[in-house]
Amino acid sequence: MATSTTAITKRLDALYEFDREPVTKNKLQGIGNFLGMYAGEHVAGTEFVIGMLFVAHGVSVKDMFLGGLIGNILAVLSWALLTAPIATKVRLSLYWQLKKICGPVLVFLYNIVNALMFCFLAGAMVAVAATAVGIPFNIQMPTLSDMFPNSVGWIVTVFAVGAVITVMAILGFDALARFAKVASPWMFLIFVVAAIAVLPKLGVEPGSGNFWEIASERIWTGVAKEGQSQFTIWHVIFFTWLANAAMHLGMSDLTILRYAKKWQYGFASAVGMFLGHYVAWIASGILYAAANSDAPGVVAYEAIGLAGAICVVIAGWTTANPTLYRAGLALQVASGWTRWKVTLVAGLVTTVAAMFPALVMKLLDFVALYGLVLVPMGAVIFADYYLIKKLNLRDYYAEQTGITFNWAAGATWLIMLAAALVMNLYFNIELYFLPVPVWLLSILVYLLFSSIYQRKLKTVQQ
C-alpha cells in the first residue's frame, strides 16, 4: 500500500505547471486553447446567476443591452491591452511575479487572501452546479433569502460536485483547456435555445415583433424586486466591465496568459465576454422571468428539461475548474507544497463554502468585492513593469535587494483598501464603481511610496 501511495504521489508531483519560472517556448499554447478557456469560463455557471440578479435589481431593457455592450468592450480591452502584454513578456504566474516585487512575506499574505477569494468564487459555481445535480433527488433548493444550508441532501450534493471539480483542477491547465473547448459551444447553444423556448410563455410570439415591448414589461422592467436595490445603466456598465477586475486589472490572468504565443491572444477574452457576459446574461434573464424558482438548475430544467439541467452542471464546472486551479497556484507559492496538494486543500475550502447558499445569492456583491480587494496589487505590477524605471527606481525590488517585505507595495495595498472602505461606507459609493479609481490611485500611491522607500532604504544601507 505504501509503495502504491508513493507512486501516485510522484505522478501527481510530475504535474508541473511552471510554478516558479517562466513558461518555456515549447509549452506555449495556440489561440484555440484560449478561445476555449475564455468561452468555457464565461459561458458558465455565474451567467445563470448574474443574469437572474440583473432582472431582480430592476435593470431596464435598454440599460441591459446598451450597458452590457459598453462594459464588455471595456473588459476585453483591459485584458488585451493591460494584462496580456505583461504576461507574454514575463511569462511568470501572478504569484511568482509579485514575489519578485513584494518579497515572500507580503506575497504570502496576499496569496492567502487571493486563494480564499478564488475558493469562494469557485464555491459559488459548485453550488450552481449542485442546484441541477439535486433535481432528480428532489433536494430542497436554496432561495434568494437563504443564508445557510437548508438540508442534508444539499450538503451531500455539494460535496459530490466539489470532489469532481477538485480532481479536474489538479489535472492542470491542458486538461482544463480541453474540457472547456469541448463544453463551451454546446453550453452556449443551450443558453440560447432555452431562452428562445420560453419566450412564448412570456408572450413573445414568432414574427410578432413584440420582443422589446414584452422584455420591458415582463423581464427587464426597470423596477427592482422587493428587497433588491435599484440598478441603472451605470451599474450594468461598471459591473460588466469589472466583474472580472481581479483577472485583468488585478492581473490574475497573468497565470493563464503566460502560456499565450502572442499578446494579441488577450482579445480571445471577447469570446467569453460577448457569448457569456452578454448573450448568456440576457438569456438567463429571460429564463428567470419565465421560471418559478430562484435556483439556476431548476430554472434551466423548467425551460428545456434534462439538457438545461446538464448545462448548469457543466457550466458550474467550467467556471470552478480554472478558478480552483488559480487558487491552488496561489496557495502553492504561499505554502511551498506541490500544486496538487494545495489544490486539494483549496478544493476542500471551496466545497465547504459552496454549502452556504448566500454565496450564490449575493454573487454580484461578492464579485465586486473580490475584484476590489485584488486590484491594488495588479496596479503594483503594472506600475513596476511600465513606469518605475522611468522614475529612476528599481523594478523587482524585493528580488534585487533581498528584502522579504516591500513596504511600498504593502502600504499601497492596505491604504487603498482602507480608502475603498471609506468611500463605500461614508460616501455611499457602491462596490461596483470602486475598482477603477482604486486601481488608478494605487499606481500613483505605489510610485510615490517606492520613491520614498527605495531612497530611504538605500540611505540606510549606505
Protein backbone atom coordinates (compact mmCIF):
# COMPACT_ATOMS: atom_id res chain seq x y z
CA MET A 1 0.00 0.00 0.00
CA ALA A 2 2.85 2.39 0.89
CA THR A 3 4.56 1.73 -2.45
CA SER A 4 1.32 2.39 -4.33
CA THR A 5 0.73 5.63 -2.43
CA THR A 6 4.29 6.79 -3.14
CA ALA A 7 3.87 6.08 -6.86
CA ILE A 8 0.63 8.09 -7.01
CA THR A 9 2.29 10.98 -5.17
CA LYS A 10 5.21 11.03 -7.62
CA ARG A 11 2.86 11.04 -10.60
CA LEU A 12 0.90 13.95 -9.14
CA ASP A 13 4.12 15.84 -8.36
CA ALA A 14 5.01 15.47 -12.03
CA LEU A 15 2.06 17.69 -12.99
CA TYR A 16 4.41 20.69 -13.01
CA GLU A 17 2.90 23.94 -14.22
CA PHE A 18 5.92 26.31 -14.25
CA ASP A 19 5.14 27.40 -10.72
CA ARG A 20 8.46 29.19 -10.15
CA GLU A 21 9.90 30.04 -13.58
CA PRO A 22 8.83 31.42 -16.97
CA VAL A 23 6.89 29.16 -19.30
CA THR A 24 9.25 27.73 -21.92
CA LYS A 25 8.70 28.28 -25.64
CA ASN A 26 7.85 24.65 -26.36
CA LYS A 27 4.94 24.79 -23.88
CA LEU A 28 3.20 27.83 -25.37
CA GLN A 29 -0.41 27.31 -26.40
CA GLY A 30 -2.25 28.25 -29.60
CA ILE A 31 -5.19 30.61 -29.83
CA GLY A 32 -7.71 27.75 -29.76
CA ASN A 33 -6.95 26.88 -26.15
CA PHE A 34 -7.58 30.46 -25.05
CA LEU A 35 -10.78 30.77 -27.04
CA GLY A 36 -11.97 27.57 -25.39
CA MET A 37 -10.80 28.60 -21.94
CA TYR A 38 -12.45 32.03 -22.01
CA ALA A 39 -15.63 30.69 -23.58
CA GLY A 40 -15.82 27.84 -21.11
CA GLU A 41 -15.11 30.03 -18.10
CA HIS A 42 -17.52 32.84 -19.03
CA VAL A 43 -20.32 30.89 -20.71
CA ALA A 44 -20.69 29.34 -17.34
CA GLY A 45 -22.43 28.95 -14.01
CA THR A 46 -22.05 32.57 -12.95
CA GLU A 47 -24.03 33.62 -16.01
CA PHE A 48 -27.12 31.78 -14.82
CA VAL A 49 -26.97 33.68 -11.52
CA ILE A 50 -25.84 37.14 -12.69
CA GLY A 51 -28.40 37.31 -15.49
CA MET A 52 -31.10 36.49 -12.96
CA LEU A 53 -29.87 39.09 -10.48
CA PHE A 54 -29.91 41.88 -13.08
CA VAL A 55 -33.61 41.19 -13.53
CA ALA A 56 -34.13 41.16 -9.76
CA HIS A 57 -32.32 44.52 -9.44
CA GLY A 58 -34.70 46.16 -11.89
CA VAL A 59 -32.40 46.84 -14.84
CA SER A 60 -34.35 48.27 -17.80
CA VAL A 61 -34.20 46.58 -21.19
CA LYS A 62 -32.29 49.48 -22.81
CA ASP A 63 -29.79 49.61 -19.94
CA MET A 64 -29.23 45.86 -20.15
CA PHE A 65 -28.46 45.79 -23.87
CA LEU A 66 -26.53 49.06 -24.19
CA GLY A 67 -24.75 48.93 -20.83
CA GLY A 68 -23.71 45.34 -21.40
CA LEU A 69 -22.26 46.19 -24.80
CA ILE A 70 -20.16 49.07 -23.49
CA GLY A 71 -18.97 47.21 -20.39
CA ASN A 72 -17.91 44.13 -22.33
CA ILE A 73 -15.86 46.19 -24.80
CA LEU A 74 -14.03 47.81 -21.87
CA ALA A 75 -13.38 44.40 -20.30
CA VAL A 76 -11.86 42.96 -23.49
CA LEU A 77 -9.63 46.00 -23.91
CA SER A 78 -8.45 45.64 -20.31
CA TRP A 79 -7.40 42.02 -20.89
CA ALA A 80 -5.78 42.68 -24.26
CA LEU A 81 -4.00 45.96 -23.55
CA LEU A 82 -3.15 45.70 -19.86
CA THR A 83 -2.73 42.06 -18.86
CA ALA A 84 -1.70 40.15 -21.98
CA PRO A 85 1.38 42.24 -22.93
CA ILE A 86 2.92 41.76 -19.48
CA ALA A 87 2.01 38.08 -19.40
CA THR A 88 3.65 37.29 -22.74
CA LYS A 89 6.81 39.26 -21.98
CA VAL A 90 7.47 38.00 -18.46
CA ARG A 91 5.70 34.59 -18.65
CA LEU A 92 5.52 34.21 -14.88
CA SER A 93 2.48 33.39 -12.79
CA LEU A 94 0.94 36.30 -10.94
CA TYR A 95 2.22 34.92 -7.67
CA TRP A 96 5.84 34.47 -8.64
CA GLN A 97 5.96 37.87 -10.30
CA LEU A 98 4.59 39.51 -7.17
CA LYS A 99 7.18 37.69 -5.09
CA LYS A 100 9.94 39.36 -7.13
CA ILE A 101 8.37 42.77 -6.48
CA CYS A 102 6.96 42.43 -2.99
CA GLY A 103 9.02 39.80 -1.22
CA PRO A 104 7.92 36.46 0.22
CA VAL A 105 6.23 37.72 3.40
CA LEU A 106 3.89 40.18 1.67
CA VAL A 107 3.15 37.69 -1.11
CA PHE A 108 2.37 35.04 1.49
CA LEU A 109 -0.31 37.31 2.99
CA TYR A 110 -1.62 38.34 -0.43
CA ASN A 111 -1.80 34.77 -1.68
CA ILE A 112 -3.80 33.62 1.32
CA VAL A 113 -6.37 36.37 0.65
CA ASN A 114 -6.25 35.70 -3.11
CA ALA A 115 -6.71 31.97 -2.70
CA LEU A 116 -9.64 32.41 -0.33
CA MET A 117 -11.34 34.76 -2.82
CA PHE A 118 -10.82 32.23 -5.60
CA CYS A 119 -12.14 29.43 -3.39
CA PHE A 120 -15.29 31.37 -2.56
CA LEU A 121 -15.91 32.18 -6.22
CA ALA A 122 -15.36 28.55 -7.20
CA GLY A 123 -17.64 27.61 -4.31
CA ALA A 124 -20.44 29.70 -5.79
CA MET A 125 -20.10 27.72 -9.01
CA VAL A 126 -20.08 24.39 -7.19
CA ALA A 127 -23.36 25.49 -5.60
CA VAL A 128 -24.79 26.46 -9.01
CA ALA A 129 -23.94 23.01 -10.39
CA ALA A 130 -25.43 21.39 -7.30
CA THR A 131 -28.81 23.05 -7.95
CA ALA A 132 -29.01 20.94 -11.10
CA VAL A 133 -27.48 17.73 -9.75
CA GLY A 134 -30.01 17.74 -6.91
CA ILE A 135 -33.08 17.85 -9.18
CA PRO A 136 -33.58 14.07 -9.65
CA PHE A 137 -33.18 13.55 -5.90
CA ASN A 138 -35.82 16.16 -5.03
CA ILE A 139 -33.30 18.14 -3.00
CA GLN A 140 -34.74 21.27 -1.41
CA MET A 141 -33.18 24.17 -3.30
CA PRO A 142 -32.00 27.47 -1.78
CA THR A 143 -33.82 30.73 -2.47
CA LEU A 144 -32.68 34.37 -2.72
CA SER A 145 -33.19 34.78 1.03
CA ASP A 146 -31.37 31.62 2.25
CA MET A 147 -28.08 32.17 4.10
CA PHE A 148 -27.30 28.67 5.41
CA PRO A 149 -27.61 25.06 4.16
CA ASN A 150 -31.26 24.06 4.19
CA SER A 151 -30.99 20.25 4.06
CA VAL A 152 -28.63 17.29 4.44
CA GLY A 153 -29.29 16.43 0.81
CA TRP A 154 -27.97 19.83 -0.26
CA ILE A 155 -24.74 19.28 1.71
CA VAL A 156 -24.19 15.80 0.22
CA THR A 157 -24.84 17.04 -3.33
CA VAL A 158 -22.43 19.96 -2.94
CA PHE A 159 -19.73 17.67 -1.56
CA ALA A 160 -20.01 15.29 -4.52
CA VAL A 161 -19.83 18.10 -7.09
CA GLY A 162 -16.90 19.72 -5.28
CA ALA A 163 -14.94 16.45 -5.33
CA VAL A 164 -15.22 16.15 -9.12
CA ILE A 165 -14.22 19.77 -9.70
CA THR A 166 -11.20 19.43 -7.42
CA VAL A 167 -9.91 16.43 -9.37
CA MET A 168 -10.25 18.35 -12.64
CA ALA A 169 -8.31 21.33 -11.23
CA ILE A 170 -5.50 19.06 -10.04
CA LEU A 171 -5.01 17.75 -13.59
CA GLY A 172 -3.79 21.20 -14.71
CA PHE A 173 -4.06 23.78 -17.50
CA ASP A 174 -4.11 21.45 -20.52
CA ALA A 175 -6.90 19.34 -19.06
CA LEU A 176 -8.93 22.44 -18.23
CA ALA A 177 -8.50 23.88 -21.72
CA ARG A 178 -9.51 20.60 -23.41
CA PHE A 179 -12.59 20.28 -21.23
CA ALA A 180 -13.65 23.89 -21.86
CA LYS A 181 -13.14 23.64 -25.63
CA VAL A 182 -15.46 20.66 -25.82
CA ALA A 183 -18.12 22.00 -23.45
CA SER A 184 -18.39 25.70 -24.29
CA PRO A 185 -20.03 25.57 -27.76
CA TRP A 186 -22.72 23.22 -26.51
CA MET A 187 -23.34 25.32 -23.38
CA PHE A 188 -23.79 28.49 -25.40
CA LEU A 189 -26.36 26.79 -27.62
CA ILE A 190 -28.26 25.58 -24.55
CA PHE A 191 -28.42 29.11 -23.16
CA VAL A 192 -29.79 30.50 -26.42
CA VAL A 193 -32.17 27.63 -27.20
CA ALA A 194 -33.59 27.64 -23.67
CA ALA A 195 -34.22 31.39 -23.79
CA ILE A 196 -35.95 31.12 -27.18
CA ALA A 197 -38.03 28.19 -25.93
CA VAL A 198 -39.56 30.17 -23.06
CA LEU A 199 -40.30 33.37 -25.00
CA PRO A 200 -43.84 32.24 -25.95
CA LYS A 201 -44.52 31.62 -22.26
CA LEU A 202 -43.75 35.30 -21.66
CA GLY A 203 -45.97 36.38 -24.55
CA VAL A 204 -43.42 36.83 -27.34
CA GLU A 205 -44.95 35.29 -30.45
CA PRO A 206 -42.84 34.27 -33.50
CA GLY A 207 -42.82 37.01 -36.13
CA SER A 208 -44.87 39.39 -33.99
CA GLY A 209 -42.02 41.84 -33.39
CA ASN A 210 -43.17 42.39 -29.81
CA PHE A 211 -39.99 41.20 -28.06
CA TRP A 212 -38.86 44.68 -26.97
CA GLU A 213 -42.30 45.50 -25.59
CA ILE A 214 -42.60 42.23 -23.65
CA ALA A 215 -38.99 42.49 -22.46
CA SER A 216 -39.63 45.93 -20.96
CA GLU A 217 -42.88 44.81 -19.33
CA ARG A 218 -42.05 41.31 -18.04
CA ILE A 219 -38.25 40.83 -17.98
CA TRP A 220 -36.11 43.98 -17.61
CA THR A 221 -38.85 46.18 -16.23
CA GLY A 222 -36.75 48.94 -14.70
CA VAL A 223 -38.31 48.16 -11.29
CA ALA A 224 -36.35 46.21 -8.67
CA LYS A 225 -37.93 43.28 -6.86
CA GLU A 226 -38.72 43.68 -3.18
CA GLY A 227 -35.56 43.63 -1.06
CA GLN A 228 -33.23 44.37 -4.00
CA SER A 229 -31.51 47.69 -4.77
CA GLN A 230 -32.29 49.58 -8.00
CA PHE A 231 -29.71 49.30 -10.81
CA THR A 232 -29.09 51.85 -13.59
CA ILE A 233 -27.13 51.71 -16.84
CA TRP A 234 -24.02 52.73 -14.88
CA HIS A 235 -24.35 49.66 -12.68
CA VAL A 236 -24.56 47.48 -15.80
CA ILE A 237 -21.55 49.13 -17.50
CA PHE A 238 -19.28 49.06 -14.47
CA PHE A 239 -20.30 45.63 -13.25
CA THR A 240 -19.93 44.14 -16.74
CA TRP A 241 -16.52 45.76 -17.16
CA LEU A 242 -15.30 44.91 -13.67
CA ALA A 243 -16.97 41.55 -12.97
CA ASN A 244 -13.55 40.10 -13.73
CA ALA A 245 -11.49 43.04 -12.48
CA ALA A 246 -9.34 40.64 -10.48
CA MET A 247 -8.39 38.88 -13.71
CA HIS A 248 -7.43 41.91 -15.83
CA LEU A 249 -6.91 45.00 -13.64
CA GLY A 250 -5.80 42.69 -10.82
CA MET A 251 -3.52 40.79 -13.24
CA SER A 252 -4.59 37.32 -12.07
CA ASP A 253 -4.76 36.16 -15.68
CA LEU A 254 -1.01 36.58 -15.98
CA THR A 255 -1.13 32.99 -14.74
CA ILE A 256 -3.20 31.90 -17.75
CA LEU A 257 -1.96 34.24 -20.49
CA ARG A 258 1.71 33.43 -19.78
CA TYR A 259 1.07 30.38 -21.99
CA ALA A 260 -0.05 32.54 -24.95
CA LYS A 261 2.21 32.74 -28.02
CA LYS A 262 1.24 36.38 -28.64
CA TRP A 263 -0.14 39.20 -26.52
CA GLN A 264 -2.98 39.58 -29.03
CA TYR A 265 -4.44 36.38 -27.58
CA GLY A 266 -5.82 38.64 -24.86
CA PHE A 267 -8.56 39.52 -27.35
CA ALA A 268 -9.71 35.90 -27.01
CA SER A 269 -11.50 37.17 -23.90
CA ALA A 270 -14.07 38.67 -26.30
CA VAL A 271 -15.50 35.18 -26.83
CA GLY A 272 -16.22 34.88 -23.13
CA MET A 273 -17.42 38.46 -22.74
CA PHE A 274 -19.87 38.57 -25.62
CA LEU A 275 -21.10 34.99 -25.61
CA GLY A 276 -21.09 34.83 -21.82
CA HIS A 277 -21.32 38.26 -20.25
CA TYR A 278 -23.71 39.49 -22.89
CA VAL A 279 -25.75 36.84 -24.67
CA ALA A 280 -25.78 34.40 -21.75
CA TRP A 281 -26.75 37.08 -19.21
CA ILE A 282 -29.58 38.16 -21.48
CA ALA A 283 -30.68 34.56 -21.95
CA SER A 284 -30.50 33.93 -18.21
CA GLY A 285 -32.67 36.96 -17.53
CA ILE A 286 -35.29 35.66 -19.95
CA LEU A 287 -35.23 32.22 -18.30
CA TYR A 288 -35.59 33.72 -14.82
CA ALA A 289 -38.54 35.88 -15.83
CA ALA A 290 -40.35 32.76 -17.07
CA ALA A 291 -39.42 30.49 -14.14
CA ASN A 292 -40.93 29.73 -10.75
CA SER A 293 -37.65 29.29 -8.87
CA ASP A 294 -34.50 31.10 -7.80
CA ALA A 295 -32.29 28.01 -8.24
CA PRO A 296 -30.35 28.11 -11.56
CA GLY A 297 -30.64 24.37 -12.12
CA VAL A 298 -34.40 24.40 -11.69
CA VAL A 299 -34.73 27.50 -13.90
CA ALA A 300 -32.91 25.74 -16.76
CA TYR A 301 -34.74 22.45 -16.17
CA GLU A 302 -38.14 24.16 -16.33
CA ALA A 303 -37.14 25.69 -19.68
CA ILE A 304 -35.84 22.69 -21.65
CA GLY A 305 -35.69 19.75 -19.28
CA LEU A 306 -32.69 17.48 -18.78
CA ALA A 307 -30.46 19.29 -21.30
CA GLY A 308 -30.88 22.51 -19.32
CA ALA A 309 -30.01 20.84 -16.03
CA ILE A 310 -26.92 19.18 -17.53
CA CYS A 311 -25.86 22.54 -18.96
CA VAL A 312 -25.95 24.09 -15.49
CA VAL A 313 -23.78 21.30 -14.12
CA ILE A 314 -21.18 21.65 -16.89
CA ALA A 315 -21.33 25.45 -16.67
CA GLY A 316 -20.58 25.32 -12.97
CA TRP A 317 -17.62 23.03 -13.59
CA THR A 318 -16.06 25.12 -16.36
CA THR A 319 -16.05 28.21 -14.14
CA ALA A 320 -14.95 26.49 -10.95
CA ASN A 321 -12.14 24.47 -12.57
CA PRO A 322 -9.84 27.32 -13.70
CA THR A 323 -10.75 29.34 -10.60
CA LEU A 324 -9.73 26.49 -8.32
CA TYR A 325 -6.59 25.98 -10.45
CA ARG A 326 -5.63 29.61 -9.76
CA ALA A 327 -6.34 29.15 -6.04
CA GLY A 328 -4.03 26.12 -5.99
CA LEU A 329 -1.21 28.15 -7.56
CA ALA A 330 -1.73 30.96 -5.03
CA LEU A 331 -1.51 28.56 -2.10
CA GLN A 332 1.44 26.77 -3.69
CA VAL A 333 3.53 29.92 -3.56
CA ALA A 334 2.37 30.66 -0.01
CA SER A 335 2.99 27.16 1.35
CA GLY A 336 5.78 25.70 -0.76
CA TRP A 337 3.78 22.47 -1.18
CA THR A 338 3.38 20.85 -4.57
CA ARG A 339 0.46 22.26 -6.56
CA TRP A 340 -1.72 19.15 -6.42
CA LYS A 341 -1.61 19.06 -2.63
CA VAL A 342 -2.60 22.69 -2.18
CA THR A 343 -5.27 22.38 -4.87
CA LEU A 344 -6.73 19.51 -2.86
CA VAL A 345 -6.83 21.77 0.22
CA ALA A 346 -8.33 24.59 -1.85
CA GLY A 347 -10.95 22.17 -3.15
CA LEU A 348 -11.99 21.31 0.40
CA VAL A 349 -12.32 25.01 1.32
CA THR A 350 -14.29 25.60 -1.89
CA THR A 351 -16.68 22.74 -1.18
CA VAL A 352 -17.37 23.87 2.38
CA ALA A 353 -18.02 27.44 1.15
CA ALA A 354 -20.41 26.11 -1.52
CA MET A 355 -22.67 24.68 1.15
CA PHE A 356 -23.79 28.22 2.06
CA PRO A 357 -26.39 29.45 -0.48
CA ALA A 358 -25.76 33.12 0.42
CA LEU A 359 -22.52 32.89 -1.58
CA VAL A 360 -24.61 32.48 -4.74
CA MET A 361 -27.49 34.73 -3.85
CA LYS A 362 -25.14 37.65 -3.05
CA LEU A 363 -22.88 36.91 -6.02
CA LEU A 364 -22.99 40.43 -7.51
CA ASP A 365 -21.71 41.95 -4.27
CA PHE A 366 -19.10 39.24 -3.78
CA VAL A 367 -17.73 39.54 -7.32
CA ALA A 368 -17.41 43.32 -6.90
CA LEU A 369 -15.66 42.93 -3.54
CA TYR A 370 -13.40 40.18 -4.87
CA GLY A 371 -12.12 42.40 -7.68
CA LEU A 372 -11.74 45.39 -5.38
CA VAL A 373 -9.55 43.51 -2.89
CA LEU A 374 -7.14 42.32 -5.59
CA VAL A 375 -6.82 45.27 -8.00
CA PRO A 376 -4.30 47.30 -5.94
CA MET A 377 -1.68 44.58 -6.41
CA GLY A 378 -2.49 44.48 -10.13
CA ALA A 379 -1.73 48.19 -10.19
CA VAL A 380 1.57 47.49 -8.42
CA ILE A 381 2.54 45.01 -11.16
CA PHE A 382 1.51 47.45 -13.90
CA ALA A 383 3.50 50.30 -12.35
CA ASP A 384 6.52 48.10 -11.69
CA TYR A 385 6.59 46.85 -15.28
CA TYR A 386 5.86 50.05 -17.21
CA LEU A 387 6.63 53.06 -15.04
CA ILE A 388 9.02 52.55 -12.16
CA LYS A 389 12.26 52.64 -14.20
CA LYS A 390 11.17 55.94 -15.75
CA LEU A 391 11.46 57.43 -12.25
CA ASN A 392 15.00 56.02 -11.93
CA LEU A 393 13.76 53.45 -9.43
CA ARG A 394 14.43 49.70 -9.39
CA ASP A 395 11.88 47.16 -10.58
CA TYR A 396 11.57 43.73 -8.96
CA TYR A 397 12.81 45.48 -5.84
CA ALA A 398 12.48 42.58 -3.43
CA GLU A 399 14.40 40.23 -5.71
CA GLN A 400 17.18 42.75 -6.35
CA THR A 401 17.67 43.75 -2.71
CA GLY A 402 16.77 40.54 -0.88
CA ILE A 403 14.10 42.16 1.31
CA THR A 404 11.22 39.97 2.48
CA PHE A 405 8.55 42.69 2.64
CA ASN A 406 8.29 45.61 0.21
CA TRP A 407 6.66 48.27 2.38
CA ALA A 408 5.83 50.44 -0.63
CA ALA A 409 3.63 47.69 -2.08
CA GLY A 410 2.23 46.59 1.28
CA ALA A 411 1.29 50.13 2.30
CA THR A 412 -0.32 50.73 -1.11
CA TRP A 413 -2.49 47.65 -0.76
CA LEU A 414 -3.64 48.37 2.78
CA ILE A 415 -4.17 52.10 2.33
CA MET A 416 -6.16 51.68 -0.87
CA LEU A 417 -8.39 49.02 0.70
CA ALA A 418 -8.98 51.36 3.64
CA ALA A 419 -9.74 54.20 1.21
CA ALA A 420 -12.23 51.97 -0.64
CA LEU A 421 -13.91 51.14 2.66
CA VAL A 422 -14.23 54.84 3.49
CA MET A 423 -15.62 55.62 0.02
CA ASN A 424 -18.17 52.85 0.38
CA LEU A 425 -19.30 53.46 3.97
CA TYR A 426 -19.06 57.21 4.31
CA PHE A 427 -19.56 58.46 0.76
CA ASN A 428 -22.04 55.72 -0.27
CA ILE A 429 -20.09 54.82 -3.43
CA GLU A 430 -21.23 51.30 -4.31
CA LEU A 431 -18.70 48.50 -4.66
CA TYR A 432 -19.37 48.16 -8.39
CA PHE A 433 -17.84 51.59 -9.11
CA LEU A 434 -14.72 51.42 -6.93
CA PRO A 435 -12.18 49.15 -8.72
CA VAL A 436 -11.22 51.68 -11.43
CA PRO A 437 -10.46 54.65 -9.13
CA VAL A 438 -8.74 52.31 -6.67
CA TRP A 439 -6.57 50.85 -9.47
CA LEU A 440 -5.56 54.28 -10.79
CA LEU A 441 -4.85 55.69 -7.33
CA SER A 442 -2.87 52.57 -6.43
CA ILE A 443 -0.47 53.22 -9.31
CA LEU A 444 0.21 56.76 -8.06
CA VAL A 445 0.48 55.73 -4.42
CA TYR A 446 2.85 52.84 -5.20
CA LEU A 447 5.17 55.05 -7.27
CA LEU A 448 5.19 57.69 -4.54
CA PHE A 449 5.86 55.19 -1.77
CA SER A 450 8.52 53.41 -3.86
CA SER A 451 10.33 56.68 -4.42
CA ILE A 452 10.40 57.35 -0.66
CA TYR A 453 11.07 53.76 0.41
CA GLN A 454 13.80 52.89 -2.08
CA ARG A 455 15.74 56.07 -1.43
CA LYS A 456 15.36 55.71 2.35
CA LEU A 457 16.47 52.06 2.29
CA LYS A 458 19.43 52.97 0.07
CA THR A 459 20.49 55.63 2.56
CA VAL A 460 20.22 53.22 5.49
CA GLN A 461 22.26 50.56 3.67
CA GLN A 462 25.00 53.09 2.87
